Amino acid sequence: MIFAPSALSPEEEALREEVRSFLAGILPADFRPGLGLGGRHDPGFTRALAAQGWVGMSIPVSYGGAGASTVRRFVVVEELLAAGAPIAAHWIAERQTAPALLRFGTEEQRRWFLPRIAAGECWFSLGMSEPDAGSDLASVRTTATRVDGGWRVTGTKVWTTNAHLNHFAVVLCRTTPEAEAGDRHAGLSQLIVDLGTDGVRVSPIPLIDGEEHVNEVVLDGVFVPDERVLGEVGKGWAQVTAELAHERSGPDRYLSVLGLYRAFLEVHGDDVDDTRAAAIGRVGAQMWTIRQLSLAVARSLEQGEAPAVEAALVKDVGTTFEQQVVETLRDAAGGEIDPEGPTMFERLLAECVLNAPTWTLRGGTTEVLRGIAAKALTR
């Protein structure tokens, strides 16, 4: 595994300034930043961003995108996450579904979905996780049975972010029984499910802070036509693992806490004792290091590689870091946690304390990611 040092070019830095200027003009003065990829679902913001050419940036121009490099997209995403912008409407479609369609989709699928994604008009969820399965995706129990003209899908998906608001979900399901396939990783396929179709039931799963953005999705004999099979039938496992390099390595895995960090500096930056100075420096140094790892993976993706193991490591160190930052700043600030406190720092700290336990779960648990890395290192 190699993380090659990388720096942004002058053109990439100029793009950063352009994005910052856009955000300064569109976000209200009293805007409360979201926690990284947990930003709000705001279709209006997504469309405004798409009008700048900053949604589906890596989609080729022929499919309605900007045809931009992976690293230019990295720059835009980094600024959106740093601002806590309301990115949830387009997030999954832009980050994960579009690259999957480009790599595995049919020409018909690309021409139908990609222009809509780039315009900020088509929103996706991920149908991977299932009850009692944790991060073990190969234990999928959702099944798809061949019928005339397509498939009947039956099963349950959980933690399906914004499925109550989004249009489609890419569902990982078993199209060949495991006993027949001979390998639990074989016989899996990905189907594009219309979340508004008959047989789909979406129920919110309230989180500890009362938010309802993740869901249980029950698929009761849902019909999916053949033209909505993503990639090759039976090759779903290889496709999903290729996708995870996009899901696990981005700035969203270490920037959930940047808004909290900035708010801490606004409140305590003029009253820094040695303990606080050490906390501030430690957080800044670690964040910069992880950013370099993430940028190295982006460069690798730009060159057409699939650095799944490197992405797993970035996700592991990134989300562990995020949890540590919450506790570090909580200790440095002292006092009681108050979700209705007078400062943005107090309100964000309360939100982070409630949400941070999930960060090392979403996108693959720490234990699973370390297993992936260990296998690669011992080959």
Protein backbone atom coordinates (compact mmCIF):
# COMPACT_ATOMS: atom_id res chain seq x y z
CA MET A 1 0.00 0.00 0.00
CA ILE A 2 1.42 3.34 -1.06
CA PHE A 3 0.17 6.81 -0.16
CA ALA A 4 2.08 9.08 -2.52
CA PRO A 5 2.52 12.68 -1.28
CA SER A 6 0.49 15.12 -3.34
CA ALA A 7 -0.13 18.85 -3.55
CA LEU A 8 -2.87 20.84 -5.23
CA SER A 9 -2.05 22.72 -8.42
CA PRO A 10 -2.63 26.49 -8.76
CA GLU A 11 -5.71 25.73 -10.86
CA GLU A 12 -7.09 23.45 -8.15
CA GLU A 13 -6.44 26.09 -5.48
CA ALA A 14 -8.22 28.68 -7.64
CA LEU A 15 -11.24 26.40 -7.78
CA ARG A 16 -11.22 26.27 -3.97
CA GLU A 17 -11.50 30.05 -3.78
CA GLU A 18 -14.33 30.01 -6.29
CA VAL A 19 -16.28 27.52 -4.19
CA ARG A 20 -15.67 29.51 -1.01
CA SER A 21 -17.00 32.65 -2.67
CA PHE A 22 -20.11 30.79 -3.85
CA LEU A 23 -20.81 29.42 -0.38
CA ALA A 24 -20.31 32.82 1.24
CA GLY A 25 -22.97 34.21 -1.06
CA ILE A 26 -25.57 31.45 -0.78
CA LEU A 27 -25.44 30.37 2.87
CA PRO A 28 -27.25 32.69 5.29
CA ALA A 29 -25.34 34.55 8.00
CA ASP A 30 -27.00 32.51 10.75
CA PHE A 31 -26.40 29.20 8.95
CA ARG A 32 -25.84 26.25 11.29
CA PRO A 33 -23.32 23.89 9.70
CA GLY A 34 -24.17 20.23 9.32
CA LEU A 35 -21.81 17.52 10.49
CA GLY A 36 -20.00 16.72 7.23
CA LEU A 37 -21.95 14.21 5.15
CA GLY A 38 -24.75 14.64 7.70
CA GLY A 39 -25.60 17.99 6.14
CA ARG A 40 -29.26 18.78 5.50
CA HIS A 41 -31.29 17.56 2.53
CA ASP A 42 -31.88 20.75 0.54
CA PRO A 43 -32.93 20.27 -3.11
CA GLY A 44 -32.73 24.01 -3.77
CA PHE A 45 -29.10 24.16 -2.68
CA THR A 46 -28.30 21.04 -4.72
CA ARG A 47 -29.78 22.60 -7.87
CA ALA A 48 -27.87 25.84 -7.30
CA LEU A 49 -24.66 23.83 -6.89
CA ALA A 50 -25.46 21.86 -10.04
CA ALA A 51 -25.90 25.11 -11.95
CA GLN A 52 -22.23 25.84 -11.14
CA GLY A 53 -21.23 22.47 -12.57
CA TRP A 54 -20.31 21.13 -9.12
CA VAL A 55 -22.64 18.13 -8.90
CA GLY A 56 -21.53 15.02 -10.74
CA MET A 57 -18.26 16.73 -11.60
CA SER A 58 -16.57 13.53 -12.74
CA ILE A 59 -19.43 12.69 -15.11
CA PRO A 60 -18.27 13.20 -18.72
CA VAL A 61 -19.57 16.19 -20.63
CA SER A 62 -21.35 13.85 -23.05
CA TYR A 63 -23.57 12.72 -20.15
CA GLY A 64 -24.26 16.21 -18.82
CA GLY A 65 -21.40 16.47 -16.32
CA ALA A 66 -18.31 18.64 -16.09
CA GLY A 67 -15.81 15.96 -17.07
CA ALA A 68 -13.61 17.10 -14.19
CA SER A 69 -10.83 15.16 -12.51
CA THR A 70 -11.27 13.25 -9.26
CA VAL A 71 -9.06 15.77 -7.47
CA ARG A 72 -11.05 18.79 -8.69
CA ARG A 73 -14.12 17.07 -7.28
CA PHE A 74 -12.13 16.47 -4.07
CA VAL A 75 -11.51 20.22 -3.77
CA VAL A 76 -15.20 21.10 -4.17
CA VAL A 77 -16.33 18.39 -1.77
CA GLU A 78 -13.76 19.46 0.82
CA GLU A 79 -15.09 23.02 0.80
CA LEU A 80 -18.72 21.89 0.99
CA LEU A 81 -17.97 19.65 3.96
CA ALA A 82 -15.84 22.31 5.65
CA ALA A 83 -18.81 24.70 5.47
CA GLY A 84 -21.26 22.05 6.66
CA ALA A 85 -23.30 22.75 3.52
CA PRO A 86 -26.70 21.03 2.98
CA ILE A 87 -25.47 18.39 0.53
CA ALA A 88 -27.60 15.39 1.43
CA ALA A 89 -29.93 15.46 -1.59
CA HIS A 90 -27.21 14.75 -4.14
CA TRP A 91 -24.52 13.22 -1.94
CA ILE A 92 -24.89 9.49 -2.62
CA ALA A 93 -25.79 9.90 -6.29
CA GLU A 94 -22.82 12.17 -6.90
CA ARG A 95 -20.24 10.36 -4.78
CA GLN A 96 -21.05 6.74 -5.48
CA THR A 97 -23.85 6.03 -7.93
CA ALA A 98 -22.49 8.08 -10.82
CA PRO A 99 -19.04 6.40 -10.78
CA ALA A 100 -20.75 2.99 -10.55
CA LEU A 101 -22.94 3.79 -13.55
CA LEU A 102 -19.92 4.96 -15.52
CA ARG A 103 -18.00 1.79 -14.73
CA PHE A 104 -20.72 -0.86 -14.78
CA GLY A 105 -23.88 0.65 -16.24
CA THR A 106 -25.37 0.18 -19.69
CA GLU A 107 -25.35 3.00 -22.19
CA GLU A 108 -29.10 3.37 -21.75
CA GLN A 109 -28.69 3.70 -17.96
CA ARG A 110 -25.94 6.27 -18.33
CA ARG A 111 -27.94 8.40 -20.72
CA TRP A 112 -31.03 8.30 -18.50
CA PHE A 113 -29.52 8.71 -15.02
CA LEU A 114 -26.29 10.68 -15.38
CA PRO A 115 -27.68 13.94 -16.83
CA ARG A 116 -30.34 13.96 -14.09
CA ILE A 117 -27.72 13.39 -11.39
CA ALA A 118 -25.53 16.18 -12.78
CA ALA A 119 -28.54 18.52 -12.81
CA GLY A 120 -29.24 17.77 -9.15
CA GLU A 121 -32.63 16.30 -10.03
CA CYS A 122 -32.08 12.59 -9.32
CA TRP A 123 -31.24 11.44 -5.79
CA PHE A 124 -30.05 8.01 -4.67
CA SER A 125 -29.80 5.96 -1.48
CA LEU A 126 -27.68 2.87 -0.83
CA GLY A 127 -29.44 -0.44 -0.22
CA MET A 128 -26.62 -2.40 1.37
CA SER A 129 -26.99 -2.88 5.13
CA GLU A 130 -29.51 -5.38 6.51
CA PRO A 131 -30.91 -6.33 9.93
CA ASP A 132 -28.59 -8.59 11.96
CA ALA A 133 -25.83 -8.33 9.35
CA GLY A 134 -23.78 -5.39 10.63
CA SER A 135 -20.97 -4.59 8.20
CA ASP A 136 -20.93 -8.11 6.77
CA LEU A 137 -22.38 -7.32 3.35
CA ALA A 138 -21.90 -10.88 2.13
CA SER A 139 -24.59 -12.06 4.55
CA VAL A 140 -27.26 -10.43 2.38
CA ARG A 141 -30.68 -12.07 2.72
CA THR A 142 -32.60 -9.83 0.32
CA THR A 143 -33.38 -11.97 -2.70
CA ALA A 144 -34.27 -11.26 -6.31
CA THR A 145 -36.13 -13.94 -8.24
CA ARG A 146 -36.19 -14.05 -12.02
CA VAL A 147 -39.63 -13.31 -13.56
CA ASP A 148 -40.77 -12.37 -17.03
CA GLY A 149 -39.01 -9.15 -18.02
CA GLY A 150 -37.11 -8.66 -14.77
CA TRP A 151 -36.85 -9.55 -11.10
CA ARG A 152 -39.01 -9.70 -7.97
CA VAL A 153 -37.11 -8.37 -4.97
CA THR A 154 -37.98 -9.27 -1.38
CA GLY A 155 -36.09 -8.29 1.76
CA THR A 156 -35.28 -5.51 4.18
CA LYS A 157 -32.57 -2.85 4.18
CA VAL A 158 -31.71 -0.66 7.17
CA TRP A 159 -29.84 2.60 7.86
CA THR A 160 -30.90 3.67 4.39
CA THR A 161 -30.11 7.37 4.46
CA ASN A 162 -32.84 9.69 3.15
CA ALA A 163 -34.79 6.88 1.48
CA HIS A 164 -37.96 8.75 2.49
CA LEU A 165 -36.83 11.66 0.29
CA ASN A 166 -34.74 10.15 -2.50
CA HIS A 167 -35.88 8.70 -5.81
CA PHE A 168 -33.87 5.48 -6.20
CA ALA A 169 -31.73 3.02 -4.26
CA VAL A 170 -29.05 0.70 -5.59
CA VAL A 171 -29.92 -2.54 -3.79
CA LEU A 172 -27.48 -5.38 -3.22
CA CYS A 173 -29.39 -8.65 -3.32
CA ARG A 174 -28.90 -12.37 -3.84
CA THR A 175 -29.87 -13.53 -7.33
CA THR A 176 -28.42 -17.04 -6.94
CA PRO A 177 -28.89 -19.03 -3.69
CA GLU A 178 -25.66 -19.37 -1.74
CA ALA A 179 -25.85 -23.16 -1.85
CA GLU A 180 -25.98 -22.98 -5.65
CA ALA A 181 -23.35 -20.27 -6.00
CA GLY A 182 -20.89 -22.23 -3.84
CA ASP A 183 -19.41 -19.04 -2.36
CA ARG A 184 -21.15 -16.48 -0.18
CA HIS A 185 -19.58 -13.69 -2.25
CA ALA A 186 -20.93 -15.15 -5.49
CA GLY A 187 -24.47 -14.87 -6.77
CA LEU A 188 -24.98 -11.28 -5.62
CA SER A 189 -26.26 -8.53 -7.92
CA GLN A 190 -27.09 -4.83 -7.81
CA LEU A 191 -30.51 -3.61 -8.89
CA ILE A 192 -31.70 -0.02 -9.24
CA VAL A 193 -34.97 0.17 -7.31
CA ASP A 194 -37.47 3.00 -7.75
CA LEU A 195 -38.34 3.96 -4.17
CA GLY A 196 -41.75 5.16 -5.27
CA THR A 197 -42.80 1.86 -6.83
CA ASP A 198 -45.38 -0.62 -5.52
CA GLY A 199 -44.15 -2.88 -2.74
CA VAL A 200 -41.61 -0.44 -1.27
CA ARG A 201 -42.30 0.61 2.33
CA VAL A 202 -40.02 3.19 3.96
CA SER A 203 -40.11 3.70 7.72
CA PRO A 204 -37.91 6.18 9.63
CA ILE A 205 -35.49 5.02 12.32
CA PRO A 206 -35.33 7.88 14.87
CA LEU A 207 -31.82 8.53 16.14
CA ILE A 208 -30.91 9.46 19.70
CA ASP A 209 -31.05 13.18 18.87
CA GLY A 210 -34.54 12.84 17.37
CA GLU A 211 -33.40 13.16 13.76
CA GLU A 212 -35.12 10.94 11.20
CA HIS A 213 -32.87 10.72 8.17
CA VAL A 214 -32.10 6.99 8.22
CA ASN A 215 -34.74 4.42 7.40
CA GLU A 216 -35.82 0.83 7.21
CA VAL A 217 -36.80 -0.08 3.65
CA VAL A 218 -38.98 -3.16 3.20
CA LEU A 219 -39.12 -4.59 -0.32
CA ASP A 220 -42.19 -6.80 -0.72
CA GLY A 221 -42.05 -8.45 -4.13
CA VAL A 222 -40.89 -5.26 -5.82
CA PHE A 223 -40.61 -5.60 -9.59
CA VAL A 224 -37.36 -4.38 -11.12
CA PRO A 225 -37.10 -4.57 -14.94
CA ASP A 226 -34.05 -6.09 -16.57
CA GLU A 227 -32.90 -2.70 -17.80
CA ARG A 228 -32.43 -1.62 -14.17
CA VAL A 229 -29.86 -4.31 -13.35
CA LEU A 230 -26.60 -2.49 -12.62
CA GLY A 231 -23.65 -4.30 -14.14
CA GLU A 232 -23.52 -8.05 -14.55
CA VAL A 233 -25.87 -10.43 -12.77
CA GLY A 234 -23.91 -12.34 -10.13
CA LYS A 235 -21.02 -9.85 -10.04
CA GLY A 236 -22.48 -7.57 -7.37
CA TRP A 237 -19.80 -8.29 -4.78
CA ALA A 238 -16.95 -7.14 -7.01
CA GLN A 239 -18.93 -4.06 -8.00
CA VAL A 240 -19.75 -3.09 -4.40
CA THR A 241 -16.15 -3.46 -3.24
CA ALA A 242 -15.03 -1.25 -6.14
CA GLU A 243 -17.56 1.39 -5.04
CA LEU A 244 -16.22 1.40 -1.50
CA ALA A 245 -13.01 3.13 -2.60
CA HIS A 246 -15.21 6.16 -3.36
CA GLU A 247 -17.31 5.80 -0.20
CA ARG A 248 -14.55 5.33 2.36
CA SER A 249 -11.69 7.58 1.34
CA GLY A 250 -13.19 11.04 0.92
CA PRO A 251 -13.00 14.17 3.07
CA ASP A 252 -16.35 13.20 4.62
CA ARG A 253 -14.44 10.70 6.76
CA TYR A 254 -12.52 13.34 8.71
CA LEU A 255 -14.32 16.69 8.24
CA SER A 256 -17.49 16.03 10.23
CA VAL A 257 -15.87 17.89 13.14
CA LEU A 258 -14.32 20.86 11.33
CA GLY A 259 -17.31 23.08 12.11
CA LEU A 260 -16.98 22.13 15.78
CA TYR A 261 -13.24 22.86 15.68
CA ARG A 262 -13.80 26.29 14.16
CA ALA A 263 -16.56 27.10 16.64
CA PHE A 264 -14.24 26.11 19.50
CA LEU A 265 -11.60 28.55 18.22
CA GLU A 266 -14.17 31.34 17.95
CA VAL A 267 -15.13 30.90 21.61
CA HIS A 268 -11.79 29.94 23.16
CA GLY A 269 -9.22 31.12 20.63
CA ASP A 270 -8.37 34.30 22.58
CA ASP A 271 -8.03 32.46 25.88
CA VAL A 272 -5.61 29.68 25.08
CA ASP A 273 -3.64 28.13 27.94
CA ASP A 274 -1.07 25.41 27.43
CA THR A 275 -3.65 22.62 27.65
CA ARG A 276 -5.91 24.20 25.05
CA ALA A 277 -2.98 25.10 22.81
CA ALA A 278 -1.85 21.48 22.83
CA ALA A 279 -5.39 20.28 22.01
CA ILE A 280 -5.74 22.75 19.14
CA GLY A 281 -2.35 21.84 17.69
CA ARG A 282 -2.92 18.11 18.01
CA VAL A 283 -6.25 18.27 16.21
CA GLY A 284 -4.87 20.46 13.43
CA ALA A 285 -1.82 18.26 12.83
CA GLN A 286 -3.83 15.04 12.75
CA MET A 287 -6.45 16.50 10.42
CA TRP A 288 -3.79 17.68 7.98
CA THR A 289 -2.12 14.26 7.96
CA ILE A 290 -5.35 12.41 7.27
CA ARG A 291 -6.17 14.93 4.55
CA GLN A 292 -2.93 14.01 2.80
CA LEU A 293 -3.88 10.33 2.91
CA SER A 294 -7.30 11.10 1.47
CA LEU A 295 -5.84 13.28 -1.28
CA ALA A 296 -3.42 10.49 -2.20
CA VAL A 297 -6.36 8.12 -2.69
CA ALA A 298 -8.11 10.74 -4.84
CA ARG A 299 -5.02 10.98 -7.05
CA SER A 300 -5.00 7.18 -7.30
CA LEU A 301 -8.67 7.11 -8.33
CA GLU A 302 -7.92 9.82 -10.88
CA GLN A 303 -5.39 7.47 -12.47
CA GLY A 304 -8.00 4.75 -12.84
CA GLU A 305 -6.92 2.62 -9.90
CA ALA A 306 -9.24 1.05 -7.29
CA PRO A 307 -7.43 1.54 -3.96
CA ALA A 308 -9.98 -0.25 -1.78
CA VAL A 309 -7.50 -1.15 0.98
CA GLU A 310 -6.04 2.35 1.15
CA ALA A 311 -9.59 3.73 1.30
CA ALA A 312 -10.39 1.39 4.20
CA LEU A 313 -7.40 2.74 6.12
CA VAL A 314 -8.40 6.36 5.47
CA LYS A 315 -11.90 5.64 6.73
CA ASP A 316 -10.58 3.88 9.83
CA VAL A 317 -8.16 6.61 10.90
CA GLY A 318 -10.54 9.37 9.79
CA THR A 319 -13.61 8.37 11.74
CA THR A 320 -11.59 7.35 14.80
CA PHE A 321 -9.98 10.80 14.66
CA GLU A 322 -13.39 12.47 14.48
CA GLN A 323 -14.54 10.76 17.66
CA GLN A 324 -11.31 11.70 19.43
CA VAL A 325 -11.70 15.35 18.43
CA VAL A 326 -15.14 15.54 20.04
CA GLU A 327 -13.75 14.28 23.35
CA THR A 328 -10.61 16.43 23.10
CA LEU A 329 -12.55 19.65 22.57
CA ARG A 330 -15.14 18.67 25.16
CA ASP A 331 -12.40 18.27 27.75
CA ALA A 332 -10.64 21.45 26.68
CA ALA A 333 -13.81 23.51 26.90
CA GLY A 334 -15.01 22.10 30.23
CA GLY A 335 -18.51 22.73 31.55
CA GLU A 336 -21.78 20.96 30.89
CA ILE A 337 -23.10 20.03 27.45
CA ASP A 338 -26.06 22.19 26.46
CA PRO A 339 -27.85 21.63 23.12
CA GLU A 340 -29.58 24.99 23.59
CA GLY A 341 -26.42 26.83 24.66
CA PRO A 342 -25.76 30.44 23.66
CA THR A 343 -22.80 29.67 21.38
CA MET A 344 -22.58 27.68 18.17
CA PHE A 345 -19.80 25.64 19.79
CA GLU A 346 -22.03 24.45 22.61
CA ARG A 347 -24.84 23.49 20.25
CA LEU A 348 -22.53 21.69 17.82
CA LEU A 349 -20.73 19.92 20.67
CA ALA A 350 -24.03 18.53 21.95
CA GLU A 351 -24.92 17.36 18.44
CA CYS A 352 -21.50 15.74 17.99
CA VAL A 353 -21.63 13.93 21.33
CA LEU A 354 -24.91 12.31 20.29
CA ASN A 355 -23.83 11.46 16.75
CA ALA A 356 -20.14 10.56 17.10
CA PRO A 357 -20.72 6.91 18.13
CA THR A 358 -22.17 6.23 14.66
CA TRP A 359 -19.17 7.55 12.74
CA THR A 360 -17.04 4.42 13.13
CA LEU A 361 -20.04 2.30 12.11
CA ARG A 362 -21.28 3.92 8.90
CA GLY A 363 -19.34 2.92 5.81
CA GLY A 364 -17.95 -0.19 7.52
CA THR A 365 -17.05 -0.77 11.14
CA THR A 366 -13.54 -0.18 12.40
CA GLU A 367 -13.07 -3.91 13.01
CA VAL A 368 -14.05 -4.83 9.46
CA LEU A 369 -11.82 -2.15 7.94
CA ARG A 370 -8.82 -3.26 9.98
CA GLY A 371 -9.46 -6.82 8.86
CA ILE A 372 -9.34 -5.68 5.23
CA ALA A 373 -6.07 -3.86 5.82
CA ALA A 374 -4.54 -6.76 7.74
CA LYS A 375 -5.30 -9.24 4.97
CA ALA A 376 -3.65 -6.97 2.41
CA LEU A 377 -0.58 -6.39 4.55
CA THR A 378 -0.03 -10.10 5.21
CA ARG A 379 -0.39 -11.34 1.64
